[in-house]
């Protein structure tokens, strides 16, 4: 719909990516905080890694961010490939 109203494809892609990555960033931050709180209770089950190992936390956060980037990129690509006339006709 925004394409039909004059928004550029780059603007649409940035909007969708920003919304997706904002939610992902908040989820990653909350997940890291929760994991930091739970690791001391799970310390007996973790072998070879200290409970608050910064490398493990950073690697997991970067992995989740990469997955979120792909998950946000696919809808952004689809949103920018829609023909504005077709979008208006369907609405």
N, C-alpha and C. Protein backbone atom coordinates (compact mmCIF):
# COMPACT_ATOMS: atom_id res chain seq x y z
N UNK A 1 0.82 -1.18 0.00
CA UNK A 1 0.00 0.00 0.00
C UNK A 1 0.88 1.26 0.00
N UNK A 2 1.94 1.23 0.77
CA UNK A 2 2.82 2.40 0.82
C UNK A 2 3.49 2.66 -0.52
N UNK A 3 3.80 1.58 -1.25
CA UNK A 3 4.38 1.76 -2.58
C UNK A 3 3.41 2.49 -3.49
N UNK A 4 2.13 2.16 -3.40
CA UNK A 4 1.13 2.82 -4.23
C UNK A 4 0.97 4.29 -3.86
N UNK A 5 1.28 4.63 -2.62
CA UNK A 5 1.15 6.02 -2.17
C UNK A 5 2.42 6.83 -2.39
N UNK A 6 3.47 6.19 -2.95
CA UNK A 6 4.66 6.94 -3.31
C UNK A 6 5.92 6.65 -2.52
N UNK A 7 5.86 5.73 -1.59
CA UNK A 7 7.07 5.38 -0.83
C UNK A 7 8.02 4.59 -1.73
N UNK A 8 9.30 4.81 -1.53
CA UNK A 8 10.30 4.09 -2.30
C UNK A 8 10.50 2.68 -1.78
N UNK A 9 11.05 1.84 -2.63
CA UNK A 9 11.29 0.46 -2.23
C UNK A 9 12.29 0.37 -1.09
N UNK A 10 13.29 1.25 -1.08
CA UNK A 10 14.27 1.27 0.00
C UNK A 10 13.64 1.65 1.34
N UNK A 11 12.71 2.58 1.29
CA UNK A 11 12.02 2.99 2.52
C UNK A 11 11.19 1.84 3.09
N UNK A 12 10.53 1.12 2.21
CA UNK A 12 9.71 0.00 2.65
C UNK A 12 10.60 -1.09 3.26
N UNK A 13 11.70 -1.39 2.59
CA UNK A 13 12.61 -2.43 3.09
C UNK A 13 13.18 -2.02 4.45
N UNK A 14 13.58 -0.77 4.60
CA UNK A 14 14.11 -0.30 5.89
C UNK A 14 13.05 -0.37 6.98
N UNK A 15 11.82 -0.03 6.65
CA UNK A 15 10.73 -0.08 7.63
C UNK A 15 10.51 -1.50 8.13
N UNK A 16 10.41 -2.44 7.21
CA UNK A 16 10.15 -3.82 7.61
C UNK A 16 11.35 -4.40 8.38
N UNK A 17 12.56 -4.12 7.90
CA UNK A 17 13.76 -4.61 8.59
C UNK A 17 13.89 -4.00 9.98
N UNK A 18 13.63 -2.71 10.09
CA UNK A 18 13.74 -2.04 11.39
C UNK A 18 12.74 -2.62 12.39
N UNK A 19 11.51 -2.84 11.95
CA UNK A 19 10.51 -3.39 12.85
C UNK A 19 10.89 -4.80 13.30
N UNK A 20 11.33 -5.61 12.36
CA UNK A 20 11.71 -6.98 12.71
C UNK A 20 12.92 -7.05 13.61
N UNK A 21 13.93 -6.26 13.31
CA UNK A 21 15.16 -6.30 14.10
C UNK A 21 15.00 -5.63 15.46
N UNK A 22 14.07 -4.69 15.57
CA UNK A 22 13.80 -4.09 16.88
C UNK A 22 13.20 -5.13 17.82
N UNK A 23 12.24 -5.89 17.32
CA UNK A 23 11.65 -6.96 18.13
C UNK A 23 12.69 -8.03 18.45
N UNK A 24 13.50 -8.37 17.47
CA UNK A 24 14.52 -9.39 17.70
C UNK A 24 15.55 -8.92 18.72
N UNK A 25 15.97 -7.67 18.63
CA UNK A 25 16.94 -7.13 19.58
C UNK A 25 16.41 -7.14 21.00
N UNK A 26 15.14 -6.78 21.15
CA UNK A 26 14.54 -6.80 22.48
C UNK A 26 14.46 -8.24 23.00
N UNK A 27 14.10 -9.16 22.14
CA UNK A 27 14.02 -10.56 22.54
C UNK A 27 15.38 -11.14 22.90
N UNK A 28 16.39 -10.78 22.13
CA UNK A 28 17.75 -11.25 22.40
C UNK A 28 18.24 -10.70 23.73
N UNK A 29 17.99 -9.42 23.97
CA UNK A 29 18.42 -8.81 25.23
C UNK A 29 17.73 -9.46 26.43
N UNK A 30 16.42 -9.64 26.33
CA UNK A 30 15.70 -10.28 27.43
C UNK A 30 16.14 -11.73 27.60
N UNK A 31 16.39 -12.42 26.49
CA UNK A 31 16.85 -13.80 26.57
C UNK A 31 18.21 -13.92 27.22
N UNK A 32 19.12 -12.99 26.90
CA UNK A 32 20.45 -13.02 27.52
C UNK A 32 20.36 -12.74 29.02
N UNK A 33 19.49 -11.82 29.39
CA UNK A 33 19.31 -11.53 30.82
C UNK A 33 18.73 -12.74 31.55
N UNK A 34 17.73 -13.37 30.94
CA UNK A 34 17.15 -14.56 31.56
C UNK A 34 18.16 -15.69 31.63
N UNK A 35 18.95 -15.86 30.57
CA UNK A 35 19.97 -16.92 30.57
C UNK A 35 21.03 -16.66 31.63
N UNK A 36 21.40 -15.40 31.80
CA UNK A 36 22.39 -15.07 32.83
C UNK A 36 21.87 -15.40 34.22
N UNK A 37 20.57 -15.22 34.41
CA UNK A 37 19.99 -15.55 35.71
C UNK A 37 19.85 -17.04 35.94
N UNK A 38 19.63 -17.80 34.88
CA UNK A 38 19.39 -19.23 35.01
C UNK A 38 20.69 -20.04 35.04
N UNK A 39 21.76 -19.50 34.47
CA UNK A 39 22.99 -20.30 34.34
C UNK A 39 23.58 -20.71 35.68
N UNK A 40 23.41 -19.93 36.71
CA UNK A 40 24.00 -20.34 37.99
C UNK A 40 23.26 -21.55 38.56
N UNK A 41 21.98 -21.71 38.21
CA UNK A 41 21.24 -22.90 38.64
C UNK A 41 21.57 -24.12 37.78
N UNK A 42 22.00 -23.86 36.56
CA UNK A 42 22.33 -24.95 35.64
C UNK A 42 23.83 -25.22 35.58
N UNK A 43 24.60 -24.63 36.44
CA UNK A 43 26.06 -24.76 36.40
C UNK A 43 26.52 -26.21 36.51
N UNK A 44 25.75 -27.04 37.17
CA UNK A 44 26.13 -28.45 37.30
C UNK A 44 26.00 -29.21 35.98
N UNK A 45 25.16 -28.74 35.07
CA UNK A 45 24.92 -29.42 33.81
C UNK A 45 25.80 -28.91 32.68
N UNK A 46 26.46 -27.78 32.87
CA UNK A 46 27.28 -27.17 31.82
C UNK A 46 28.71 -27.66 31.99
N UNK A 47 29.22 -28.39 31.03
CA UNK A 47 30.57 -28.94 31.11
C UNK A 47 31.52 -28.15 30.22
N UNK A 48 32.63 -27.71 30.79
CA UNK A 48 33.67 -27.03 30.02
C UNK A 48 33.40 -25.57 29.74
N UNK A 49 32.32 -25.03 30.25
CA UNK A 49 31.98 -23.63 30.03
C UNK A 49 31.62 -23.02 31.37
N UNK A 50 32.17 -21.85 31.65
CA UNK A 50 31.80 -21.17 32.89
C UNK A 50 30.36 -20.66 32.75
N UNK A 51 29.65 -20.54 33.83
CA UNK A 51 28.23 -20.15 33.74
C UNK A 51 27.98 -18.83 33.02
N UNK A 52 28.82 -17.86 33.18
CA UNK A 52 28.62 -16.57 32.51
C UNK A 52 29.72 -16.32 31.48
N UNK A 53 29.97 -17.29 30.62
CA UNK A 53 31.00 -17.19 29.60
C UNK A 53 30.60 -16.15 28.55
N UNK A 54 31.33 -15.04 28.45
CA UNK A 54 30.94 -13.99 27.50
C UNK A 54 31.03 -14.44 26.04
N UNK A 55 31.94 -15.33 25.73
CA UNK A 55 32.05 -15.80 24.35
C UNK A 55 30.81 -16.58 23.94
N UNK A 56 30.34 -17.42 24.82
CA UNK A 56 29.14 -18.21 24.52
C UNK A 56 27.92 -17.31 24.39
N UNK A 57 27.78 -16.35 25.29
CA UNK A 57 26.65 -15.43 25.21
C UNK A 57 26.70 -14.61 23.93
N UNK A 58 27.88 -14.12 23.57
CA UNK A 58 28.01 -13.31 22.35
C UNK A 58 27.73 -14.15 21.10
N UNK A 59 28.25 -15.37 21.07
CA UNK A 59 28.03 -16.24 19.91
C UNK A 59 26.55 -16.57 19.75
N UNK A 60 25.88 -16.86 20.84
CA UNK A 60 24.45 -17.17 20.78
C UNK A 60 23.64 -15.94 20.34
N UNK A 61 23.99 -14.79 20.88
CA UNK A 61 23.28 -13.56 20.51
C UNK A 61 23.50 -13.23 19.03
N UNK A 62 24.73 -13.38 18.55
CA UNK A 62 24.99 -13.12 17.13
C UNK A 62 24.29 -14.14 16.23
N UNK A 63 24.23 -15.38 16.67
CA UNK A 63 23.51 -16.39 15.90
C UNK A 63 22.03 -16.06 15.80
N UNK A 64 21.43 -15.67 16.91
CA UNK A 64 20.02 -15.29 16.90
C UNK A 64 19.78 -14.04 16.06
N UNK A 65 20.72 -13.11 16.11
CA UNK A 65 20.58 -11.91 15.30
C UNK A 65 20.66 -12.24 13.81
N UNK A 66 21.52 -13.18 13.44
CA UNK A 66 21.61 -13.59 12.04
C UNK A 66 20.31 -14.25 11.58
N UNK A 67 19.73 -15.09 12.42
CA UNK A 67 18.46 -15.73 12.08
C UNK A 67 17.36 -14.67 11.96
N UNK A 68 17.36 -13.70 12.86
CA UNK A 68 16.35 -12.64 12.82
C UNK A 68 16.51 -11.78 11.58
N UNK A 69 17.75 -11.55 11.16
CA UNK A 69 17.99 -10.75 9.96
C UNK A 69 17.42 -11.45 8.73
N UNK A 70 17.64 -12.74 8.63
CA UNK A 70 17.07 -13.50 7.51
C UNK A 70 15.55 -13.51 7.60
N UNK A 71 15.03 -13.68 8.81
CA UNK A 71 13.58 -13.72 9.00
C UNK A 71 12.93 -12.38 8.69
N UNK A 72 13.64 -11.28 8.87
CA UNK A 72 13.09 -9.96 8.55
C UNK A 72 13.34 -9.60 7.09
N UNK A 73 14.41 -10.14 6.51
CA UNK A 73 14.74 -9.82 5.12
C UNK A 73 13.72 -10.40 4.15
N UNK A 74 13.28 -11.62 4.40
CA UNK A 74 12.35 -12.27 3.47
C UNK A 74 11.03 -11.51 3.33
N UNK A 75 10.37 -11.08 4.41
CA UNK A 75 9.17 -10.26 4.24
C UNK A 75 9.47 -8.89 3.63
N UNK A 76 10.64 -8.33 3.92
CA UNK A 76 11.01 -7.04 3.33
C UNK A 76 11.15 -7.18 1.81
N UNK A 77 11.77 -8.27 1.39
CA UNK A 77 11.92 -8.51 -0.04
C UNK A 77 10.56 -8.70 -0.70
N UNK A 78 9.68 -9.44 -0.04
CA UNK A 78 8.34 -9.64 -0.59
C UNK A 78 7.55 -8.34 -0.64
N UNK A 79 7.70 -7.50 0.38
CA UNK A 79 6.96 -6.23 0.42
C UNK A 79 7.41 -5.28 -0.68
N UNK A 80 8.68 -5.34 -1.04
CA UNK A 80 9.16 -4.43 -2.08
C UNK A 80 8.92 -4.97 -3.48
N UNK A 81 8.59 -6.24 -3.61
CA UNK A 81 8.38 -6.80 -4.95
C UNK A 81 6.93 -6.76 -5.39
N UNK A 82 6.04 -6.31 -4.53
CA UNK A 82 4.62 -6.24 -4.88
C UNK A 82 4.38 -5.07 -5.83
N UNK A 83 3.60 -5.33 -6.87
CA UNK A 83 3.23 -4.28 -7.81
C UNK A 83 2.18 -3.39 -7.15
N UNK A 84 2.38 -2.06 -7.11
CA UNK A 84 1.44 -1.18 -6.43
C UNK A 84 0.01 -1.27 -6.98
N UNK A 85 -0.13 -1.47 -8.28
CA UNK A 85 -1.47 -1.56 -8.87
C UNK A 85 -2.18 -2.81 -8.37
N UNK A 86 -1.46 -3.91 -8.29
CA UNK A 86 -2.05 -5.15 -7.78
C UNK A 86 -2.44 -4.99 -6.31
N UNK A 87 -1.62 -4.31 -5.54
CA UNK A 87 -1.92 -4.10 -4.12
C UNK A 87 -3.18 -3.26 -3.96
N UNK A 88 -3.34 -2.24 -4.79
CA UNK A 88 -4.53 -1.41 -4.70
C UNK A 88 -5.79 -2.18 -5.13
N UNK A 89 -5.66 -3.02 -6.12
CA UNK A 89 -6.82 -3.79 -6.58
C UNK A 89 -7.27 -4.79 -5.52
N UNK A 90 -6.31 -5.36 -4.79
CA UNK A 90 -6.69 -6.35 -3.78
C UNK A 90 -7.33 -5.71 -2.56
N UNK A 91 -7.06 -4.44 -2.32
CA UNK A 91 -7.65 -3.74 -1.18
C UNK A 91 -8.98 -3.21 -1.62
